[in-house]
Structures are given as structure tokens and as C-alpha cells.
């Protein structure tokens, strides 16, 4: 079996990419991947469930460790680093990667890799569809549009490119979405729903563990319109972050709380060690209270948060 799979803690772009790439594979003979199956590494989040339901599409199933066989192959979407990969996937099982993040991998053989510095993996997949003269169905177009809008924070994130804006317009036309702003609001509302999240779920809502300067760096991001509600409970969240540090043997932890309407991020940090790196990475950061800093109008973990932290650790 050939599985198409996104990163751990799958977001909307990751989940949709598995489905949209499957559509491309089925329509284009040149890829020789018609037998592929889109799957999730873990259960979908609230936003993803909402969007798939809205556009009447079944969510991919979660691929459990028990289901993976030695002969299975994997197409990775929206990630490439080992730390973000399903734990059951071995290097030799990877055949393709489609991603918009920086590359950090070392494989023992050549594979097919398609990467572009665009705001969404689905932007890349749509570009490949056009290259192969393939037009997505109405529902697939709507899913892809929602994924692009989500990953680029309504086309306002610093990661947004003209290619994202152009393709968003084309997908809106194909999907017969007349009011993109209305869809953006619905995405934001679904994304920012934290009412049913436990404190532990808040600090692990959308995290990635990076290997920076041979250090394990945990960066979680919670996108919400209720930033202050989360900051108000920072003391108990810090306790949980300290516990998580021991459980996962982490060196540095940063929990971003991003207001997706105001385009502002505050960071909850559990130790003086992480605080020191944060101050080096963001000299203009303002301390709000113990363990909480306002780092200003930053919303992109990939472009505006992780790189300064990595640079500080390398120094």
C-alpha cells in the first residue's frame, strides 16, 4: 500500500493535502500512484472536522502503528523532518515529499521531492494540477481553498505569496465560493474554538519538535480569538509545560498563543533557560507577567518564530 500522510498533530492544510494529492494521483498517469490512500497520523482537530463536514467530504482514516507493514510506502505532505513524522514510518519507506517548509532530512536514497516557498502545501498541489491540465472537483476545490486560507491566516500571514492569492481566487471560482471573507471568518471561528480543550490539549494543540543546534525544541501554537483567556491561566499551563519537558526529554519549550484577528503572539515559557533564548530571539519582547512575553505582530511559526529561535541557539 502507498499511503499519503501529513505531519503529527495534523492541521487543515496537512489533512486536505493528503486528499487533494490523492485526487491528482488518480487523474494523472505520470505519477504512477493511483493505488495510494490518504490517511491521518492522528485524529483531526476541530477546524479540520468542521471544514470536511461543511464541504461534504469524508475525513481520511487514522493510520495506526499496527496497520503499517514493512512493504508499505509513504508519500509525505506538509512536512519532511523526522520529528514531525508518524513514528511507524522508516526512511526507506518514503517515496515522495510535497512540502512548503525548509528541508531537513537525510535519506539513504534519492526520492521525488517537490517543495515551493509558498504559504500552503495545497498551493503547490493545485499548481501541479494545473501543470497536468487537471481541474479539481467543486468539493476538492473548496477544501483546498479553505486549507490555503487557514495556513496563510486569511492570506494575511507573512508566509503568503502572490501565488497563494492567485490560486485562492481560482479555487474560489471553481468551488463557487462567492464570499471568501465569510469563509475566512468561519475558518477562524472553528480554529479558535478552545471551549472543549483541556489545559493539556491547549499546550499540545499544534506543536512541532525541532532539532536546533542538537537541542530538542518544542514549539506549540494555539491560534485563537480569545488570547487573554489562555494567558489568564498561564500558571497552570507552565506547570504542565514543565511536566511535558520531563516526559518528552525536551531542552526548550515555547507555547505560542496567537490572536488570529489582531495578528499578535504571546509566548508562555516554563523555564529561565527558555526565557533566555526567547529574549535573544526577540529583543523587543515585552514581559507581561512571570513566564509570559508579548513578541508583537508575529503569527507564522515557520517564518517568524522558529528561525529566530534557531539562530539564537546556534549562536
Protein backbone atom coordinates (compact mmCIF):
# COMPACT_ATOMS: atom_id res chain seq x y z
CA UNK A 1 0.00 0.00 0.00
CA UNK A 2 1.10 3.57 -0.72
CA UNK A 3 -0.10 5.96 1.97
CA UNK A 4 -0.30 9.74 1.64
CA UNK A 5 0.18 11.22 5.09
CA UNK A 6 0.78 14.57 6.77
CA UNK A 7 2.56 15.50 9.99
CA UNK A 8 1.71 14.62 13.56
CA UNK A 9 -0.94 16.86 15.10
CA UNK A 10 -2.43 17.31 11.61
CA UNK A 11 -3.79 20.74 10.75
CA UNK A 12 -6.21 21.57 7.92
CA UNK A 13 -3.55 22.05 5.25
CA UNK A 14 -1.93 18.72 6.12
CA UNK A 15 -5.21 16.77 6.08
CA UNK A 16 -6.51 18.35 2.89
CA UNK A 17 -3.16 17.88 1.14
CA UNK A 18 -3.44 14.11 1.57
CA UNK A 19 -6.88 14.18 -0.08
CA UNK A 20 -6.07 16.65 -2.86
CA UNK A 21 -2.85 14.85 -3.75
CA UNK A 22 -4.78 11.57 -3.97
CA UNK A 23 -7.13 13.33 -6.44
CA UNK A 24 -4.11 14.42 -8.51
CA UNK A 25 -2.58 10.94 -8.46
CA UNK A 26 -5.87 9.40 -9.63
CA UNK A 27 -6.22 11.84 -12.53
CA UNK A 28 -2.60 11.95 -13.77
CA UNK A 29 -0.99 8.72 -15.02
CA UNK A 30 2.52 10.19 -14.91
CA UNK A 31 2.72 9.93 -11.10
CA UNK A 32 2.11 6.16 -11.04
CA UNK A 33 0.49 6.46 -7.62
CA UNK A 34 -3.13 5.52 -8.36
CA UNK A 35 -3.20 2.86 -5.66
CA UNK A 36 -2.44 5.40 -2.93
CA UNK A 37 -4.61 6.05 0.12
CA UNK A 38 -4.82 9.32 2.11
CA UNK A 39 -4.54 8.82 5.88
CA UNK A 40 -4.05 10.84 9.06
CA UNK A 41 -1.28 10.16 11.61
CA UNK A 42 -3.59 11.25 14.45
CA UNK A 43 -7.23 12.35 14.85
CA UNK A 44 -8.23 15.58 13.11
CA UNK A 45 -8.70 18.82 15.05
CA UNK A 46 -11.98 20.73 15.38
CA UNK A 47 -11.26 23.07 12.45
CA UNK A 48 -10.47 20.19 10.08
CA UNK A 49 -13.58 18.24 11.08
CA UNK A 50 -15.71 21.35 10.54
CA UNK A 51 -14.34 22.06 7.05
CA UNK A 52 -14.59 18.47 5.82
CA UNK A 53 -18.19 18.30 7.09
CA UNK A 54 -19.04 21.67 5.54
CA UNK A 55 -17.87 20.52 2.12
CA UNK A 56 -19.35 17.04 2.47
CA UNK A 57 -16.12 15.08 2.25
CA UNK A 58 -15.11 12.09 4.36
CA UNK A 59 -12.06 12.53 6.55
CA UNK A 60 -9.16 10.13 5.90
CA UNK A 61 -8.83 7.38 8.48
CA UNK A 62 -6.15 7.46 11.17
CA UNK A 63 -3.27 5.12 10.35
CA UNK A 64 -2.39 3.12 13.45
CA UNK A 65 1.02 1.63 14.07
CA UNK A 66 -0.42 -1.90 13.83
CA UNK A 67 -1.64 -1.33 10.27
CA UNK A 68 1.79 -0.45 8.87
CA UNK A 69 3.55 -3.26 7.02
CA UNK A 70 7.22 -3.46 6.06
CA UNK A 71 6.38 -3.32 2.36
CA UNK A 72 4.19 -0.19 2.66
CA UNK A 73 5.38 3.04 1.01
CA UNK A 74 4.73 6.62 2.08
CA UNK A 75 4.18 9.95 0.40
CA UNK A 76 4.75 12.75 2.93
CA UNK A 77 2.80 16.00 2.65
CA UNK A 78 3.27 19.27 4.55
CA UNK A 79 6.38 18.03 6.40
CA UNK A 80 9.73 16.38 5.89
CA UNK A 81 11.51 16.32 9.27
CA UNK A 82 11.66 13.02 11.14
CA UNK A 83 10.45 14.57 14.40
CA UNK A 84 7.14 15.50 12.73
CA UNK A 85 6.65 12.12 11.08
CA UNK A 86 4.38 9.24 12.08
CA UNK A 87 6.50 7.05 14.34
CA UNK A 88 5.90 3.96 12.23
CA UNK A 89 7.47 5.35 9.05
CA UNK A 90 11.05 4.39 8.25
CA UNK A 91 13.33 6.35 5.92
CA UNK A 92 13.46 3.59 3.33
CA UNK A 93 9.64 3.58 3.05
CA UNK A 94 9.41 7.20 1.87
CA UNK A 95 8.96 7.62 -1.90
CA UNK A 96 7.84 11.27 -2.27
CA UNK A 97 7.65 14.53 -0.34
CA UNK A 98 5.41 17.52 -1.12
CA UNK A 99 6.11 20.37 1.27
CA UNK A 100 6.46 24.14 1.77
CA UNK A 101 8.79 24.06 4.79
CA UNK A 102 12.56 24.12 4.86
CA UNK A 103 14.15 20.77 4.15
CA UNK A 104 15.86 18.94 6.99
CA UNK A 105 16.33 15.27 6.23
CA UNK A 106 18.99 12.75 5.35
CA UNK A 107 17.77 9.73 3.41
CA UNK A 108 19.78 6.79 2.13
CA UNK A 109 18.46 7.00 -1.43
CA UNK A 110 17.08 9.59 -3.90
CA UNK A 111 13.32 10.22 -3.82
CA UNK A 112 10.86 12.58 -5.52
CA UNK A 113 10.71 15.91 -3.68
CA UNK A 114 8.52 18.88 -4.62
CA UNK A 115 8.94 21.98 -2.47
CA UNK A 116 8.00 25.61 -3.02
CA UNK A 117 8.32 28.63 -0.71
CA UNK A 118 4.57 29.23 -0.80
CA UNK A 119 2.08 29.64 2.03
CA UNK A 120 0.39 26.26 1.78
CA UNK A 121 1.04 22.72 0.58
CA UNK A 122 -2.27 22.89 -1.24
CA UNK A 123 -1.00 25.82 -3.27
CA UNK A 124 1.74 23.51 -4.53
CA UNK A 125 -0.70 20.68 -5.26
CA UNK A 126 -3.05 22.97 -7.22
CA UNK A 127 -0.07 24.26 -9.21
CA UNK A 128 0.77 20.63 -10.04
CA UNK A 129 -2.84 20.05 -11.07
CA UNK A 130 -2.67 22.96 -13.50
CA UNK A 131 0.66 21.71 -14.82
CA UNK A 132 -1.06 18.40 -15.61
CA UNK A 133 -4.22 20.05 -17.04
CA UNK A 134 -6.35 18.78 -14.18
CA UNK A 135 -9.20 20.70 -12.64
CA UNK A 136 -10.29 19.78 -9.11
CA UNK A 137 -13.90 18.90 -8.37
CA UNK A 138 -16.05 21.53 -6.66
CA UNK A 139 -15.68 19.94 -3.22
CA UNK A 140 -11.92 19.36 -3.55
CA UNK A 141 -11.51 22.97 -4.70
CA UNK A 142 -13.40 24.20 -1.62
CA UNK A 143 -11.25 22.07 0.69
CA UNK A 144 -8.05 23.30 -0.94
CA UNK A 145 -9.18 26.93 -0.72
CA UNK A 146 -10.02 26.53 2.98
CA UNK A 147 -6.61 24.93 3.62
CA UNK A 148 -4.79 27.80 1.92
CA UNK A 149 -6.82 30.40 3.82
CA UNK A 150 -6.16 28.59 7.08
CA UNK A 151 -2.41 28.20 6.61
CA UNK A 152 -1.97 31.82 5.46
CA UNK A 153 -4.31 33.23 8.16
CA UNK A 154 -6.77 34.55 5.62
CA UNK A 155 -3.98 35.48 3.17
CA UNK A 156 -2.56 37.91 5.76
CA UNK A 157 0.33 35.90 7.18
CA UNK A 158 3.91 36.85 6.28
CA UNK A 159 4.17 33.47 4.53
CA UNK A 160 1.51 34.48 2.00
CA UNK A 161 2.74 34.88 -1.58
CA UNK A 162 1.16 36.19 -4.77
CA UNK A 163 0.89 32.58 -5.91
CA UNK A 164 -1.31 31.82 -2.87
CA UNK A 165 -3.56 34.81 -3.62
CA UNK A 166 -3.84 33.94 -7.30
CA UNK A 167 -4.64 30.29 -6.66
CA UNK A 168 -7.11 31.14 -3.89
CA UNK A 169 -9.10 33.20 -6.43
CA UNK A 170 -9.07 30.37 -8.96
CA UNK A 171 -10.16 27.80 -6.38
CA UNK A 172 -12.95 30.09 -5.15
CA UNK A 173 -14.24 30.30 -8.71
CA UNK A 174 -14.09 26.51 -9.20
CA UNK A 175 -15.66 25.88 -5.80
CA UNK A 176 -18.32 28.55 -6.40
CA UNK A 177 -17.33 30.39 -3.22
CA UNK A 178 -18.64 33.90 -3.77
CA UNK A 179 -17.63 35.36 -0.40
CA UNK A 180 -14.09 34.43 0.64
CA UNK A 181 -14.23 36.72 3.68
CA UNK A 182 -17.22 34.79 5.01
CA UNK A 183 -15.32 31.52 4.63
CA UNK A 184 -12.30 33.04 6.38
CA UNK A 185 -14.50 34.05 9.32
CA UNK A 186 -15.95 30.52 9.54
CA UNK A 187 -12.42 29.05 9.48
CA UNK A 188 -11.23 31.45 12.18
CA UNK A 189 -14.25 30.65 14.34
CA UNK A 190 -13.65 26.91 14.04
CA UNK A 191 -9.89 27.26 14.50
CA UNK A 192 -10.21 29.41 17.61
CA UNK A 193 -12.73 27.25 19.44
CA UNK A 194 -10.97 26.29 22.68
CA UNK A 195 -14.07 25.77 24.82
CA UNK A 196 -13.75 21.98 24.77
CA UNK A 197 -9.96 21.84 25.17
CA UNK A 198 -8.31 20.73 28.40
CA UNK A 199 -5.23 22.59 29.62
CA UNK A 200 -3.04 19.76 28.34
CA UNK A 201 -4.72 19.96 24.93
CA UNK A 202 -4.08 23.71 24.86
CA UNK A 203 -0.32 23.29 25.28
CA UNK A 204 -0.20 20.49 22.69
CA UNK A 205 -2.83 21.82 20.23
CA UNK A 206 -0.45 22.22 17.31
CA UNK A 207 3.13 21.50 18.30
CA UNK A 208 6.31 20.62 16.49
CA UNK A 209 9.58 19.41 17.97
CA UNK A 210 12.59 20.81 16.14
CA UNK A 211 16.23 19.75 16.30
CA UNK A 212 18.07 23.08 16.61
CA UNK A 213 21.79 23.03 17.44
CA UNK A 214 21.38 19.43 18.64
CA UNK A 215 18.69 20.57 21.07
CA UNK A 216 15.09 19.34 21.20
CA UNK A 217 12.95 22.45 20.85
CA UNK A 218 9.18 22.23 21.40
CA UNK A 219 7.10 24.98 19.81
CA UNK A 220 3.33 24.77 20.24
CA UNK A 221 0.96 27.24 18.62
CA UNK A 222 -2.62 27.91 19.64
CA UNK A 223 -4.47 30.18 17.22
CA UNK A 224 -7.47 31.83 18.81
CA UNK A 225 -9.53 34.99 19.17
CA UNK A 226 -9.58 34.50 22.94
CA UNK A 227 -5.92 35.10 23.69
CA UNK A 228 -6.44 36.64 27.12
CA UNK A 229 -8.48 33.67 28.36
CA UNK A 230 -5.46 31.47 27.73
CA UNK A 231 -2.96 33.92 29.22
CA UNK A 232 -5.08 34.18 32.36
CA UNK A 233 -4.39 30.52 33.09
CA UNK A 234 -0.65 30.73 32.33
CA UNK A 235 0.38 29.50 35.80
CA UNK A 236 -1.26 26.10 35.41
CA UNK A 237 -0.10 25.88 31.79
CA UNK A 238 3.50 26.48 32.88
CA UNK A 239 3.22 23.61 35.36
CA UNK A 240 2.04 21.33 32.57
CA UNK A 241 4.84 22.50 30.26
CA UNK A 242 7.40 21.65 32.94
CA UNK A 243 5.88 18.19 33.25
CA UNK A 244 5.91 17.79 29.46
CA UNK A 245 9.58 18.79 29.38
CA UNK A 246 10.47 15.82 31.58
CA UNK A 247 8.14 13.38 29.83
CA UNK A 248 9.49 14.09 26.35
CA UNK A 249 13.05 14.92 27.40
CA UNK A 250 12.87 18.38 25.82
CA UNK A 251 15.51 21.10 26.09
CA UNK A 252 13.43 24.20 25.32
CA UNK A 253 9.68 24.82 25.28
CA UNK A 254 7.70 27.71 23.82
CA UNK A 255 3.90 27.85 23.81
CA UNK A 256 2.60 30.47 21.36
CA UNK A 257 -0.85 31.96 21.85
CA UNK A 258 -1.64 33.76 18.61
CA UNK A 259 -4.56 36.16 18.19
CA UNK A 260 -5.54 35.47 14.58
CA UNK A 261 -7.60 38.64 14.23
CA UNK A 262 -5.12 41.07 15.77
CA UNK A 263 -2.11 39.18 14.30
CA UNK A 264 -0.29 39.13 17.63
CA UNK A 265 1.54 36.40 19.52
CA UNK A 266 2.28 35.96 23.19
CA UNK A 267 4.58 33.20 24.41
CA UNK A 268 4.29 31.12 27.56
CA UNK A 269 7.64 29.72 28.69
CA UNK A 270 8.29 27.29 31.57
CA UNK A 271 11.92 27.98 32.47
CA UNK A 272 14.65 30.61 32.71
CA UNK A 273 16.61 28.61 30.14
CA UNK A 274 13.86 29.03 27.53
CA UNK A 275 13.31 32.63 28.64
CA UNK A 276 16.93 33.50 27.90
CA UNK A 277 16.69 32.17 24.35
CA UNK A 278 13.37 33.95 23.81
CA UNK A 279 14.90 37.30 24.79
CA UNK A 280 17.81 36.73 22.43
CA UNK A 281 15.48 35.73 19.60
CA UNK A 282 13.06 38.63 20.16
CA UNK A 283 14.89 41.59 21.75
CA UNK A 284 11.75 43.74 21.61
CA UNK A 285 9.64 41.19 23.52
CA UNK A 286 7.76 42.68 26.46
CA UNK A 287 7.22 40.75 29.67
CA UNK A 288 3.52 40.59 30.56
CA UNK A 289 3.91 38.56 33.73
CA UNK A 290 6.00 35.68 35.00
CA UNK A 291 6.60 33.24 32.16
CA UNK A 292 4.65 35.27 29.57
CA UNK A 293 6.04 37.57 26.86
CA UNK A 294 4.41 39.58 24.09
CA UNK A 295 6.50 39.21 20.92
CA UNK A 296 4.31 41.51 18.84
CA UNK A 297 2.78 41.17 15.35
CA UNK A 298 4.07 37.73 14.52
CA UNK A 299 1.87 34.81 13.53
CA UNK A 300 3.91 32.44 11.38
CA UNK A 301 5.76 29.78 13.36
CA UNK A 302 7.58 28.65 10.21
CA UNK A 303 8.83 32.08 9.12
CA UNK A 304 8.67 34.44 12.11
CA UNK A 305 9.05 32.30 15.22
CA UNK A 306 11.17 29.19 14.65
CA UNK A 307 14.01 30.83 12.63
CA UNK A 308 14.91 33.47 15.28
CA UNK A 309 14.88 30.79 17.98
CA UNK A 310 17.10 28.55 15.87
CA UNK A 311 19.51 31.44 15.19
CA UNK A 312 19.75 32.21 18.91
CA UNK A 313 20.55 28.60 19.75
CA UNK A 314 23.17 28.41 17.01
CA UNK A 315 24.88 31.46 18.47
